[in-house]
């Protein structure tokens, strides 16, 4: 637990006020010559007499703690939600560094690349999600999990923003099959052995595959597992046949995606992207439980309630003769 010590100045006035009121309270007493004689024989107060004073002190301490605005820096809570388990599979091969035809040019002269267009589509996609768990997988020669499925969209978006052409600088080939199969494993681990509905893969690539396990094999595996796959492409040549290892061309990739129940959308077409969001939103959701991290959770309320109860009970006890000191 962490206290905001800058609020310490707010604690001093209540303490000073309590001290002044305590000094100004005049307790009734009996004036008699026998008081001196009785004071020498007066025994210490019994325990019940001390209870109101202890409660008052405890209440004042709780008031001070509440005014210091205590917070828990990091807390976790379990959230039960209904949504989709989404895995974004992002191509980081060397072909994604190519400038986009008709793309934007920065003031420094840098042209928008295919990767820039894909990242923009991902960020826009994340901001349209609500209640879905999102994980990110990147691939080139091999596939890597960047973020596991989570509801923390800010966390996912920050990692996506950090992805650039140097993330997998030691690689350069395109293994779409590896990316899809890694995403499959990620989703199945997250959904457990129960209900596996709502598992969806969103593939973002230019459609050129040239290494790794065959893409048609990966798509067949996804179809058997009931995992719908959506293909959001950038400058995909649907009418061109390119001979690759185990996979022929982009049209076959689109056909394989449709066989899983998914569709193809153009990353640079705003209308198609909007249609993609609507299509994915209409999918059947699944029930899942996840752990959510919260930062700087305020916890002043328990201290305030404890102060109120302690002071109220102390004043109530002082009305009873049993808790009053007679001397």
C-alpha atoms as a PDB file:
ATOM      1  CA  UNK A   1       0.000   0.000   0.000  1.00  0.00           C
ATOM      2  CA  UNK A   2       1.256   3.475  -0.834  1.00  0.00           C
ATOM      3  CA  UNK A   3       0.265   6.778   0.796  1.00  0.00           C
ATOM      4  CA  UNK A   4       0.234  10.160  -0.927  1.00  0.00           C
ATOM      5  CA  UNK A   5       2.425  12.045   1.498  1.00  0.00           C
ATOM      6  CA  UNK A   6       1.807  15.328  -0.328  1.00  0.00           C
ATOM      7  CA  UNK A   7      -1.630  15.254   1.324  1.00  0.00           C
ATOM      8  CA  UNK A   8      -0.058  15.313   4.779  1.00  0.00           C
ATOM      9  CA  UNK A   9      -0.952  19.017   5.137  1.00  0.00           C
ATOM     10  CA  UNK A  10      -4.624  18.051   5.050  1.00  0.00           C
ATOM     11  CA  UNK A  11      -4.069  15.851   8.102  1.00  0.00           C
ATOM     12  CA  UNK A  12      -2.707  18.587  10.375  1.00  0.00           C
ATOM     13  CA  UNK A  13      -5.883  20.733  10.722  1.00  0.00           C
ATOM     14  CA  UNK A  14      -8.076  17.809  11.941  1.00  0.00           C
ATOM     15  CA  UNK A  15      -5.395  16.801  14.450  1.00  0.00           C
ATOM     16  CA  UNK A  16      -5.041  20.364  15.726  1.00  0.00           C
ATOM     17  CA  UNK A  17      -8.817  20.774  15.983  1.00  0.00           C
ATOM     18  CA  UNK A  18      -9.152  17.519  17.907  1.00  0.00           C
ATOM     19  CA  UNK A  19      -6.400  18.600  20.294  1.00  0.00           C
ATOM     20  CA  UNK A  20      -8.016  22.031  20.945  1.00  0.00           C
ATOM     21  CA  UNK A  21     -11.433  20.504  21.531  1.00  0.00           C
ATOM     22  CA  UNK A  22      -9.924  17.980  23.877  1.00  0.00           C
ATOM     23  CA  UNK A  23      -8.296  20.723  25.972  1.00  0.00           C
ATOM     24  CA  UNK A  24     -11.412  22.888  26.081  1.00  0.00           C
ATOM     25  CA  UNK A  25     -13.735  20.143  27.284  1.00  0.00           C
ATOM     26  CA  UNK A  26     -14.489  20.859  30.942  1.00  0.00           C
ATOM     27  CA  UNK A  27     -15.445  17.769  32.816  1.00  0.00           C
ATOM     28  CA  UNK A  28     -17.853  18.234  35.760  1.00  0.00           C
ATOM     29  CA  UNK A  29     -16.299  17.558  39.177  1.00  0.00           C
ATOM     30  CA  UNK A  30     -17.203  17.848  42.845  1.00  0.00           C
ATOM     31  CA  UNK A  31     -15.397  20.428  44.983  1.00  0.00           C
ATOM     32  CA  UNK A  32     -14.821  19.126  48.535  1.00  0.00           C
ATOM     33  CA  UNK A  33     -12.050  19.062  51.100  1.00  0.00           C
ATOM     34  CA  UNK A  34     -12.054  15.284  51.027  1.00  0.00           C
ATOM     35  CA  UNK A  35     -10.908  15.220  47.380  1.00  0.00           C
ATOM     36  CA  UNK A  36      -7.230  15.535  48.348  1.00  0.00           C
ATOM     37  CA  UNK A  37      -7.593  12.635  50.710  1.00  0.00           C
ATOM     38  CA  UNK A  38      -9.473  10.607  48.101  1.00  0.00           C
ATOM     39  CA  UNK A  39      -6.921  11.348  45.375  1.00  0.00           C
ATOM     40  CA  UNK A  40      -4.198   9.673  47.426  1.00  0.00           C
ATOM     41  CA  UNK A  41      -6.287   6.536  47.680  1.00  0.00           C
ATOM     42  CA  UNK A  42      -7.717   6.599  44.144  1.00  0.00           C
ATOM     43  CA  UNK A  43      -7.044   3.404  42.249  1.00  0.00           C
ATOM     44  CA  UNK A  44      -6.188   3.357  38.513  1.00  0.00           C
ATOM     45  CA  UNK A  45      -9.167   3.410  36.153  1.00  0.00           C
ATOM     46  CA  UNK A  46     -10.592   0.052  35.254  1.00  0.00           C
ATOM     47  CA  UNK A  47     -10.323  -1.183  31.676  1.00  0.00           C
ATOM     48  CA  UNK A  48     -13.887  -0.303  30.482  1.00  0.00           C
ATOM     49  CA  UNK A  49     -13.272   3.364  31.325  1.00  0.00           C
ATOM     50  CA  UNK A  50     -10.380   3.455  28.844  1.00  0.00           C
ATOM     51  CA  UNK A  51     -12.348   2.004  25.912  1.00  0.00           C
ATOM     52  CA  UNK A  52     -13.922   5.302  24.671  1.00  0.00           C
ATOM     53  CA  UNK A  53     -10.549   7.067  24.676  1.00  0.00           C
ATOM     54  CA  UNK A  54      -8.915   4.201  22.766  1.00  0.00           C
ATOM     55  CA  UNK A  55     -11.711   4.259  20.182  1.00  0.00           C
ATOM     56  CA  UNK A  56     -11.347   8.017  19.747  1.00  0.00           C
ATOM     57  CA  UNK A  57      -7.602   7.696  19.182  1.00  0.00           C
ATOM     58  CA  UNK A  58      -8.181   4.880  16.700  1.00  0.00           C
ATOM     59  CA  UNK A  59     -10.781   6.971  14.863  1.00  0.00           C
ATOM     60  CA  UNK A  60      -8.438   9.949  14.586  1.00  0.00           C
ATOM     61  CA  UNK A  61      -5.664   7.694  13.212  1.00  0.00           C
ATOM     62  CA  UNK A  62      -8.065   6.264  10.623  1.00  0.00           C
ATOM     63  CA  UNK A  63      -9.106   9.781   9.577  1.00  0.00           C
ATOM     64  CA  UNK A  64      -5.442  10.698   9.074  1.00  0.00           C
ATOM     65  CA  UNK A  65      -4.845   7.536   7.023  1.00  0.00           C
ATOM     66  CA  UNK A  66      -7.879   8.261   4.807  1.00  0.00           C
ATOM     67  CA  UNK A  67      -6.723  11.857   4.207  1.00  0.00           C
ATOM     68  CA  UNK A  68      -3.333  10.555   3.035  1.00  0.00           C
ATOM     69  CA  UNK A  69      -5.175   8.964   0.071  1.00  0.00           C
ATOM     70  CA  UNK A  70      -3.746   5.416   0.307  1.00  0.00           C
ATOM     71  CA  UNK A  71      -3.566   3.407  -2.929  1.00  0.00           C
ATOM     72  CA  UNK A  72      -2.506  -0.102  -3.891  1.00  0.00           C
ATOM     73  CA  UNK A  73       0.129   0.316  -6.668  1.00  0.00           C
ATOM     74  CA  UNK A  74      -0.768  -2.912  -8.524  1.00  0.00           C
ATOM     75  CA  UNK A  75      -3.760  -5.156  -7.862  1.00  0.00           C
ATOM     76  CA  UNK A  76      -5.235  -8.128  -9.691  1.00  0.00           C
ATOM     77  CA  UNK A  77      -8.850  -9.140 -10.010  1.00  0.00           C
ATOM     78  CA  UNK A  78     -10.576 -12.019 -11.723  1.00  0.00           C
ATOM     79  CA  UNK A  79     -13.012 -10.959 -14.432  1.00  0.00           C
ATOM     80  CA  UNK A  80     -15.691 -13.178 -15.945  1.00  0.00           C
ATOM     81  CA  UNK A  81     -16.588 -11.972 -19.402  1.00  0.00           C
ATOM     82  CA  UNK A  82     -18.254 -13.045 -22.606  1.00  0.00           C
ATOM     83  CA  UNK A  83     -16.399 -12.321 -25.814  1.00  0.00           C
ATOM     84  CA  UNK A  84     -13.927 -13.636 -28.380  1.00  0.00           C
ATOM     85  CA  UNK A  85     -10.424 -15.026 -28.065  1.00  0.00           C
ATOM     86  CA  UNK A  86      -8.550 -13.163 -30.814  1.00  0.00           C
ATOM     87  CA  UNK A  87      -5.022 -13.762 -32.069  1.00  0.00           C
ATOM     88  CA  UNK A  88      -3.530 -11.135 -34.387  1.00  0.00           C
ATOM     89  CA  UNK A  89      -0.868 -12.711 -36.631  1.00  0.00           C
ATOM     90  CA  UNK A  90       1.448 -10.031 -38.066  1.00  0.00           C
ATOM     91  CA  UNK A  91       3.877 -10.508 -40.966  1.00  0.00           C
ATOM     92  CA  UNK A  92       7.340  -8.986 -40.302  1.00  0.00           C
ATOM     93  CA  UNK A  93       9.129 -10.343 -43.381  1.00  0.00           C
ATOM     94  CA  UNK A  94      11.342  -8.162 -45.572  1.00  0.00           C
ATOM     95  CA  UNK A  95       8.539  -7.712 -48.130  1.00  0.00           C
ATOM     96  CA  UNK A  96       6.555  -5.776 -45.496  1.00  0.00           C
ATOM     97  CA  UNK A  97       9.214  -3.048 -45.614  1.00  0.00           C
ATOM     98  CA  UNK A  98       8.283  -2.134 -49.186  1.00  0.00           C
ATOM     99  CA  UNK A  99       6.589   1.273 -49.687  1.00  0.00           C
ATOM    100  CA  UNK A 100       2.844   1.210 -50.226  1.00  0.00           C
ATOM    101  CA  UNK A 101       1.670   2.441 -53.612  1.00  0.00           C
ATOM    102  CA  UNK A 102       0.113   5.854 -53.120  1.00  0.00           C
ATOM    103  CA  UNK A 103       0.996   5.802 -49.423  1.00  0.00           C
ATOM    104  CA  UNK A 104       1.660   8.798 -47.212  1.00  0.00           C
ATOM    105  CA  UNK A 105       5.061  10.479 -47.076  1.00  0.00           C
ATOM    106  CA  UNK A 106       6.380  11.900 -43.801  1.00  0.00           C
ATOM    107  CA  UNK A 107       7.996  15.385 -43.604  1.00  0.00           C
ATOM    108  CA  UNK A 108      11.395  13.627 -43.504  1.00  0.00           C
ATOM    109  CA  UNK A 109      10.670  11.954 -46.855  1.00  0.00           C
ATOM    110  CA  UNK A 110       9.954   8.481 -45.429  1.00  0.00           C
ATOM    111  CA  UNK A 111       7.229   6.675 -47.362  1.00  0.00           C
ATOM    112  CA  UNK A 112       4.524   4.588 -45.705  1.00  0.00           C
ATOM    113  CA  UNK A 113       5.408   0.898 -45.811  1.00  0.00           C
ATOM    114  CA  UNK A 114       3.207  -2.169 -45.861  1.00  0.00           C
ATOM    115  CA  UNK A 115       4.063  -2.708 -42.194  1.00  0.00           C
ATOM    116  CA  UNK A 116       2.902   0.840 -41.384  1.00  0.00           C
ATOM    117  CA  UNK A 117      -0.414   0.147 -43.096  1.00  0.00           C
ATOM    118  CA  UNK A 118      -0.827  -3.125 -41.182  1.00  0.00           C
ATOM    119  CA  UNK A 119       0.008  -1.498 -37.834  1.00  0.00           C
ATOM    120  CA  UNK A 120      -2.527   1.237 -38.508  1.00  0.00           C
ATOM    121  CA  UNK A 121      -5.156  -1.409 -39.266  1.00  0.00           C
ATOM    122  CA  UNK A 122      -4.269  -3.290 -36.047  1.00  0.00           C
ATOM    123  CA  UNK A 123      -4.536  -0.205 -33.830  1.00  0.00           C
ATOM    124  CA  UNK A 124      -7.866   0.696 -35.417  1.00  0.00           C
ATOM    125  CA  UNK A 125      -9.033  -2.886 -34.941  1.00  0.00           C
ATOM    126  CA  UNK A 126      -8.048  -2.941 -31.234  1.00  0.00           C
ATOM    127  CA  UNK A 127      -9.902   0.311 -30.570  1.00  0.00           C
ATOM    128  CA  UNK A 128     -13.088  -1.269 -31.924  1.00  0.00           C
ATOM    129  CA  UNK A 129     -12.894  -4.247 -29.550  1.00  0.00           C
ATOM    130  CA  UNK A 130     -14.864  -4.508 -26.335  1.00  0.00           C
ATOM    131  CA  UNK A 131     -14.855  -7.522 -24.036  1.00  0.00           C
ATOM    132  CA  UNK A 132     -12.569  -9.615 -26.282  1.00  0.00           C
ATOM    133  CA  UNK A 133      -9.199 -11.042 -25.291  1.00  0.00           C
ATOM    134  CA  UNK A 134      -6.477 -10.114 -27.773  1.00  0.00           C
ATOM    135  CA  UNK A 135      -3.054 -11.706 -28.267  1.00  0.00           C
ATOM    136  CA  UNK A 136      -0.373 -10.882 -30.849  1.00  0.00           C
ATOM    137  CA  UNK A 137       1.897 -13.239 -32.812  1.00  0.00           C
ATOM    138  CA  UNK A 138       4.607 -11.998 -35.196  1.00  0.00           C
ATOM    139  CA  UNK A 139       6.414 -14.090 -37.769  1.00  0.00           C
ATOM    140  CA  UNK A 140       9.105 -14.060 -40.414  1.00  0.00           C
ATOM    141  CA  UNK A 141      11.247 -17.224 -40.719  1.00  0.00           C
ATOM    142  CA  UNK A 142       9.703 -18.321 -37.399  1.00  0.00           C
ATOM    143  CA  UNK A 143       6.738 -17.253 -35.285  1.00  0.00           C
ATOM    144  CA  UNK A 144       6.861 -15.608 -31.844  1.00  0.00           C
ATOM    145  CA  UNK A 145       4.208 -14.694 -29.263  1.00  0.00           C
ATOM    146  CA  UNK A 146       4.425 -10.966 -28.471  1.00  0.00           C
ATOM    147  CA  UNK A 147       1.503 -10.749 -26.039  1.00  0.00           C
ATOM    148  CA  UNK A 148      -0.747 -13.510 -24.664  1.00  0.00           C
ATOM    149  CA  UNK A 149      -4.535 -13.010 -24.876  1.00  0.00           C
ATOM    150  CA  UNK A 150      -5.500 -10.152 -22.559  1.00  0.00           C
ATOM    151  CA  UNK A 151      -8.201  -7.544 -21.939  1.00  0.00           C
ATOM    152  CA  UNK A 152      -5.592  -4.826 -21.408  1.00  0.00           C
ATOM    153  CA  UNK A 153      -5.921  -3.148 -24.821  1.00  0.00           C
ATOM    154  CA  UNK A 154      -3.521  -0.339 -23.908  1.00  0.00           C
ATOM    155  CA  UNK A 155      -0.860  -2.964 -23.185  1.00  0.00           C
ATOM    156  CA  UNK A 156      -1.440  -4.657 -26.561  1.00  0.00           C
ATOM    157  CA  UNK A 157      -1.501  -1.358 -28.448  1.00  0.00           C
ATOM    158  CA  UNK A 158       1.797  -0.261 -26.886  1.00  0.00           C
ATOM    159  CA  UNK A 159       3.494  -3.463 -28.023  1.00  0.00           C
ATOM    160  CA  UNK A 160       2.073  -3.125 -31.521  1.00  0.00           C
ATOM    161  CA  UNK A 161       3.428   0.430 -31.733  1.00  0.00           C
ATOM    162  CA  UNK A 162       6.909  -0.883 -30.841  1.00  0.00           C
ATOM    163  CA  UNK A 163       6.920  -3.389 -33.720  1.00  0.00           C
ATOM    164  CA  UNK A 164       9.141  -2.213 -36.581  1.00  0.00           C
ATOM    165  CA  UNK A 165      11.443  -3.520 -39.305  1.00  0.00           C
ATOM    166  CA  UNK A 166      14.167  -4.211 -36.703  1.00  0.00           C
ATOM    167  CA  UNK A 167      12.021  -6.482 -34.520  1.00  0.00           C
ATOM    168  CA  UNK A 168      13.056  -9.568 -36.536  1.00  0.00           C
ATOM    169  CA  UNK A 169      16.019  -8.024 -38.346  1.00  0.00           C
ATOM    170  CA  UNK A 170      17.930 -11.342 -38.424  1.00  0.00           C
ATOM    171  CA  UNK A 171      15.152 -12.945 -40.460  1.00  0.00           C
ATOM    172  CA  UNK A 172      13.464 -11.968 -43.698  1.00  0.00           C
ATOM    173  CA  UNK A 173      11.480 -14.871 -45.127  1.00  0.00           C
ATOM    174  CA  UNK A 174       7.700 -15.335 -44.852  1.00  0.00           C
ATOM    175  CA  UNK A 175       6.370 -18.358 -42.939  1.00  0.00           C
ATOM    176  CA  UNK A 176       2.616 -17.783 -42.830  1.00  0.00           C
ATOM    177  CA  UNK A 177       1.988 -21.399 -41.816  1.00  0.00           C
ATOM    178  CA  UNK A 178       4.247 -21.027 -38.768  1.00  0.00           C
ATOM    179  CA  UNK A 179       2.394 -17.891 -37.689  1.00  0.00           C
ATOM    180  CA  UNK A 180      -1.019 -19.547 -38.020  1.00  0.00           C
ATOM    181  CA  UNK A 181      -0.016 -22.683 -36.117  1.00  0.00           C
ATOM    182  CA  UNK A 182       1.579 -20.662 -33.314  1.00  0.00           C
ATOM    183  CA  UNK A 183      -1.628 -18.635 -33.027  1.00  0.00           C
ATOM    184  CA  UNK A 184      -3.612 -21.893 -32.910  1.00  0.00           C
ATOM    185  CA  UNK A 185      -1.542 -23.152 -29.967  1.00  0.00           C
ATOM    186  CA  UNK A 186      -1.900 -19.794 -28.208  1.00  0.00           C
ATOM    187  CA  UNK A 187      -5.699 -19.819 -28.505  1.00  0.00           C
ATOM    188  CA  UNK A 188      -6.144 -23.451 -27.492  1.00  0.00           C
ATOM    189  CA  UNK A 189      -3.990 -22.972 -24.384  1.00  0.00           C
ATOM    190  CA  UNK A 190      -6.078 -19.957 -23.402  1.00  0.00           C
ATOM    191  CA  UNK A 191      -9.459 -21.613 -23.953  1.00  0.00           C
ATOM    192  CA  UNK A 192      -8.620 -24.767 -21.992  1.00  0.00           C
ATOM    193  CA  UNK A 193     -10.269 -28.103 -22.473  1.00  0.00           C
ATOM    194  CA  UNK A 194     -13.862 -26.819 -22.283  1.00  0.00           C
ATOM    195  CA  UNK A 195     -15.804 -24.584 -24.634  1.00  0.00           C
ATOM    196  CA  UNK A 196     -13.549 -23.615 -27.548  1.00  0.00           C
ATOM    197  CA  UNK A 197     -16.038 -21.450 -29.367  1.00  0.00           C
ATOM    198  CA  UNK A 198     -15.080 -17.857 -30.059  1.00  0.00           C
ATOM    199  CA  UNK A 199     -11.469 -18.581 -31.100  1.00  0.00           C
ATOM    200  CA  UNK A 200     -10.579 -16.311 -34.037  1.00  0.00           C
ATOM    201  CA  UNK A 201      -7.334 -15.596 -35.910  1.00  0.00           C
ATOM    202  CA  UNK A 202      -6.797 -12.353 -37.829  1.00  0.00           C
ATOM    203  CA  UNK A 203      -3.907 -12.691 -40.299  1.00  0.00           C
ATOM    204  CA  UNK A 204      -2.249  -9.462 -41.475  1.00  0.00           C
ATOM    205  CA  UNK A 205       0.183  -9.990 -44.355  1.00  0.00           C
ATOM    206  CA  UNK A 206       0.880  -9.263 -48.019  1.00  0.00           C
ATOM    207  CA  UNK A 207       0.104 -12.879 -48.870  1.00  0.00           C
ATOM    208  CA  UNK A 208       3.574 -13.965 -50.044  1.00  0.00           C
ATOM    209  CA  UNK A 209       4.650 -17.245 -48.422  1.00  0.00           C
ATOM    210  CA  UNK A 210       8.084 -18.774 -49.078  1.00  0.00           C
ATOM    211  CA  UNK A 211       9.191 -20.890 -46.102  1.00  0.00           C
ATOM    212  CA  UNK A 212       7.992 -22.930 -43.149  1.00  0.00           C
ATOM    213  CA  UNK A 213       5.199 -25.447 -42.914  1.00  0.00           C
ATOM    214  CA  UNK A 214       2.653 -25.368 -45.777  1.00  0.00           C
ATOM    215  CA  UNK A 215      -0.093 -22.812 -45.325  1.00  0.00           C
ATOM    216  CA  UNK A 216      -2.795 -25.134 -46.669  1.00  0.00           C
ATOM    217  CA  UNK A 217      -1.853 -27.651 -43.964  1.00  0.00           C
ATOM    218  CA  UNK A 218      -2.092 -24.947 -41.285  1.00  0.00           C
ATOM    219  CA  UNK A 219      -5.483 -23.769 -42.562  1.00  0.00           C
ATOM    220  CA  UNK A 220      -6.776 -27.353 -42.611  1.00  0.00           C
ATOM    221  CA  UNK A 221      -5.732 -27.716 -38.985  1.00  0.00           C
ATOM    222  CA  UNK A 222      -7.539 -24.503 -38.083  1.00  0.00           C
ATOM    223  CA  UNK A 223     -10.667 -25.680 -39.878  1.00  0.00           C
ATOM    224  CA  UNK A 224     -10.618 -28.957 -37.918  1.00  0.00           C
ATOM    225  CA  UNK A 225     -10.248 -27.041 -34.654  1.00  0.00           C
ATOM    226  CA  UNK A 226     -13.158 -24.745 -35.495  1.00  0.00           C
ATOM    227  CA  UNK A 227     -10.963 -21.625 -35.501  1.00  0.00           C
ATOM    228  CA  UNK A 228     -12.233 -19.006 -37.955  1.00  0.00           C
ATOM    229  CA  UNK A 229      -9.453 -17.156 -39.777  1.00  0.00           C
ATOM    230  CA  UNK A 230      -9.780 -13.683 -41.293  1.00  0.00           C
ATOM    231  CA  UNK A 231      -7.212 -12.355 -43.749  1.00  0.00           C
ATOM    232  CA  UNK A 232      -6.561  -8.610 -43.755  1.00  0.00           C
ATOM    233  CA  UNK A 233      -4.108  -8.047 -46.604  1.00  0.00           C
ATOM    234  CA  UNK A 234      -2.079  -5.132 -47.899  1.00  0.00           C
ATOM    235  CA  UNK A 235      -1.305  -4.944 -51.632  1.00  0.00           C
ATOM    236  CA  UNK A 236      -2.217  -8.605 -52.134  1.00  0.00           C
ATOM    237  CA  UNK A 237      -1.937  -9.745 -55.769  1.00  0.00           C
ATOM    238  CA  UNK A 238      -4.997 -11.983 -55.955  1.00  0.00           C
ATOM    239  CA  UNK A 239      -4.668 -12.552 -59.687  1.00  0.00           C
ATOM    240  CA  UNK A 240      -0.955 -13.404 -59.759  1.00  0.00           C
ATOM    241  CA  UNK A 241       0.367 -16.933 -59.338  1.00  0.00           C
ATOM    242  CA  UNK A 242       3.653 -17.207 -57.467  1.00  0.00           C
ATOM    243  CA  UNK A 243       5.256 -20.605 -56.985  1.00  0.00           C
ATOM    244  CA  UNK A 244       6.236 -20.979 -53.295  1.00  0.00           C
ATOM    245  CA  UNK A 245       7.164 -23.843 -51.053  1.00  0.00           C
ATOM    246  CA  UNK A 246       4.059 -25.948 -50.504  1.00  0.00           C
ATOM    247  CA  UNK A 247       1.690 -23.131 -51.412  1.00  0.00           C
ATOM    248  CA  UNK A 248       0.945 -21.587 -54.743  1.00  0.00           C
ATOM    249  CA  UNK A 249      -0.618 -18.133 -54.586  1.00  0.00           C
ATOM    250  CA  UNK A 250      -2.631 -15.562 -52.679  1.00  0.00           C
ATOM    251  CA  UNK A 251      -5.983 -16.741 -54.161  1.00  0.00           C
ATOM    252  CA  UNK A 252      -5.386 -20.137 -52.566  1.00  0.00           C
ATOM    253  CA  UNK A 253      -4.724 -18.403 -49.233  1.00  0.00           C
ATOM    254  CA  UNK A 254      -8.028 -16.548 -49.556  1.00  0.00           C
ATOM    255  CA  UNK A 255      -9.819 -19.794 -50.466  1.00  0.00           C
ATOM    256  CA  UNK A 256      -8.281 -21.554 -47.448  1.00  0.00           C
ATOM    257  CA  UNK A 257      -9.329 -18.723 -45.158  1.00  0.00           C
ATOM    258  CA  UNK A 258     -12.909 -18.888 -46.442  1.00  0.00           C
ATOM    259  CA  UNK A 259     -12.909 -22.660 -45.809  1.00  0.00           C
ATOM    260  CA  UNK A 260     -12.420 -21.942 -42.088  1.00  0.00           C
ATOM    261  CA  UNK A 261     -15.477 -19.670 -42.109  1.00  0.00           C
ATOM    262  CA  UNK A 262     -13.508 -16.442 -42.452  1.00  0.00           C
ATOM    263  CA  UNK A 263     -13.149 -13.789 -45.149  1.00  0.00           C
ATOM    264  CA  UNK A 264     -10.580 -11.584 -46.889  1.00  0.00           C
ATOM    265  CA  UNK A 265     -10.462  -7.789 -46.400  1.00  0.00           C
ATOM    266  CA  UNK A 266      -8.209  -5.084 -47.806  1.00  0.00           C
ATOM    267  CA  UNK A 267      -6.280  -3.220 -45.068  1.00  0.00           C
ATOM    268  CA  UNK A 268      -6.307   0.027 -47.096  1.00  0.00           C
ATOM    269  CA  UNK A 269     -10.020   0.014 -47.828  1.00  0.00           C
ATOM    270  CA  UNK A 270     -11.870   1.793 -45.004  1.00  0.00           C
ATOM    271  CA  UNK A 271     -15.237   0.360 -46.021  1.00  0.00           C
ATOM    272  CA  UNK A 272     -13.890  -3.190 -46.048  1.00  0.00           C
ATOM    273  CA  UNK A 273     -12.219  -2.696 -42.665  1.00  0.00           C
ATOM    274  CA  UNK A 274     -15.518  -1.474 -41.252  1.00  0.00           C
ATOM    275  CA  UNK A 275     -17.186  -4.569 -42.669  1.00  0.00           C
ATOM    276  CA  UNK A 276     -14.476  -6.721 -41.059  1.00  0.00           C
ATOM    277  CA  UNK A 277     -15.207  -5.217 -37.623  1.00  0.00           C
ATOM    278  CA  UNK A 278     -18.943  -5.826 -38.047  1.00  0.00           C
ATOM    279  CA  UNK A 279     -18.415  -9.389 -39.244  1.00  0.00           C
ATOM    280  CA  UNK A 280     -16.150 -10.298 -36.328  1.00  0.00           C
ATOM    281  CA  UNK A 281     -18.520  -8.605 -33.851  1.00  0.00           C
ATOM    282  CA  UNK A 282     -21.358 -10.859 -35.043  1.00  0.00           C
ATOM    283  CA  UNK A 283     -19.475 -14.077 -34.221  1.00  0.00           C
ATOM    284  CA  UNK A 284     -20.664 -16.318 -31.402  1.00  0.00           C
ATOM    285  CA  UNK A 285     -19.032 -15.320 -28.126  1.00  0.00           C
ATOM    286  CA  UNK A 286     -17.672 -17.610 -25.439  1.00  0.00           C
ATOM    287  CA  UNK A 287     -17.549 -17.361 -21.643  1.00  0.00           C
ATOM    288  CA  UNK A 288     -14.091 -17.001 -20.144  1.00  0.00           C
ATOM    289  CA  UNK A 289     -12.371 -15.954 -16.951  1.00  0.00           C
ATOM    290  CA  UNK A 290      -9.284 -13.786 -16.957  1.00  0.00           C
ATOM    291  CA  UNK A 291      -7.066 -11.879 -14.536  1.00  0.00           C
ATOM    292  CA  UNK A 292      -7.003  -8.106 -14.934  1.00  0.00           C
ATOM    293  CA  UNK A 293      -4.287  -5.844 -13.518  1.00  0.00           C
ATOM    294  CA  UNK A 294      -5.328  -2.563 -11.930  1.00  0.00           C
ATOM    295  CA  UNK A 295      -2.987   0.309 -11.089  1.00  0.00           C
ATOM    296  CA  UNK A 296      -3.211   2.813  -8.186  1.00  0.00           C
ATOM    297  CA  UNK A 297      -6.437   1.427  -6.715  1.00  0.00           C
ATOM    298  CA  UNK A 298      -7.743   3.876  -4.028  1.00  0.00           C
ATOM    299  CA  UNK A 299      -8.396   2.274  -0.624  1.00  0.00           C
ATOM    300  CA  UNK A 300      -9.315   5.282   1.537  1.00  0.00           C
ATOM    301  CA  UNK A 301     -12.916   4.095   2.008  1.00  0.00           C
ATOM    302  CA  UNK A 302     -12.160   1.357   4.609  1.00  0.00           C
ATOM    303  CA  UNK A 303     -10.205   3.874   6.714  1.00  0.00           C
ATOM    304  CA  UNK A 304     -13.026   6.434   6.502  1.00  0.00           C
ATOM    305  CA  UNK A 305     -15.653   3.863   7.501  1.00  0.00           C
ATOM    306  CA  UNK A 306     -13.484   2.627  10.391  1.00  0.00           C
ATOM    307  CA  UNK A 307     -13.021   6.225  11.616  1.00  0.00           C
ATOM    308  CA  UNK A 308     -16.757   6.915  11.485  1.00  0.00           C
ATOM    309  CA  UNK A 309     -17.625   3.723  13.372  1.00  0.00           C
ATOM    310  CA  UNK A 310     -14.902   4.197  16.008  1.00  0.00           C
ATOM    311  CA  UNK A 311     -15.842   7.814  16.797  1.00  0.00           C
ATOM    312  CA  UNK A 312     -19.562   7.037  16.862  1.00  0.00           C
ATOM    313  CA  UNK A 313     -19.112   4.081  19.222  1.00  0.00           C
ATOM    314  CA  UNK A 314     -16.798   6.140  21.470  1.00  0.00           C
ATOM    315  CA  UNK A 315     -19.382   8.910  21.840  1.00  0.00           C
ATOM    316  CA  UNK A 316     -22.133   6.376  22.444  1.00  0.00           C
ATOM    317  CA  UNK A 317     -20.136   4.677  25.220  1.00  0.00           C
ATOM    318  CA  UNK A 318     -19.439   8.002  26.946  1.00  0.00           C
ATOM    319  CA  UNK A 319     -23.162   8.436  27.512  1.00  0.00           C
ATOM    320  CA  UNK A 320     -23.197   5.325  29.733  1.00  0.00           C
ATOM    321  CA  UNK A 321     -22.147   5.861  33.400  1.00  0.00           C
ATOM    322  CA  UNK A 322     -20.301   2.540  33.378  1.00  0.00           C
ATOM    323  CA  UNK A 323     -17.682   4.015  30.957  1.00  0.00           C
ATOM    324  CA  UNK A 324     -17.229   7.367  32.761  1.00  0.00           C
ATOM    325  CA  UNK A 325     -14.534   8.135  35.251  1.00  0.00           C
ATOM    326  CA  UNK A 326     -16.024   9.495  38.493  1.00  0.00           C
ATOM    327  CA  UNK A 327     -12.949  11.081  40.117  1.00  0.00           C
END
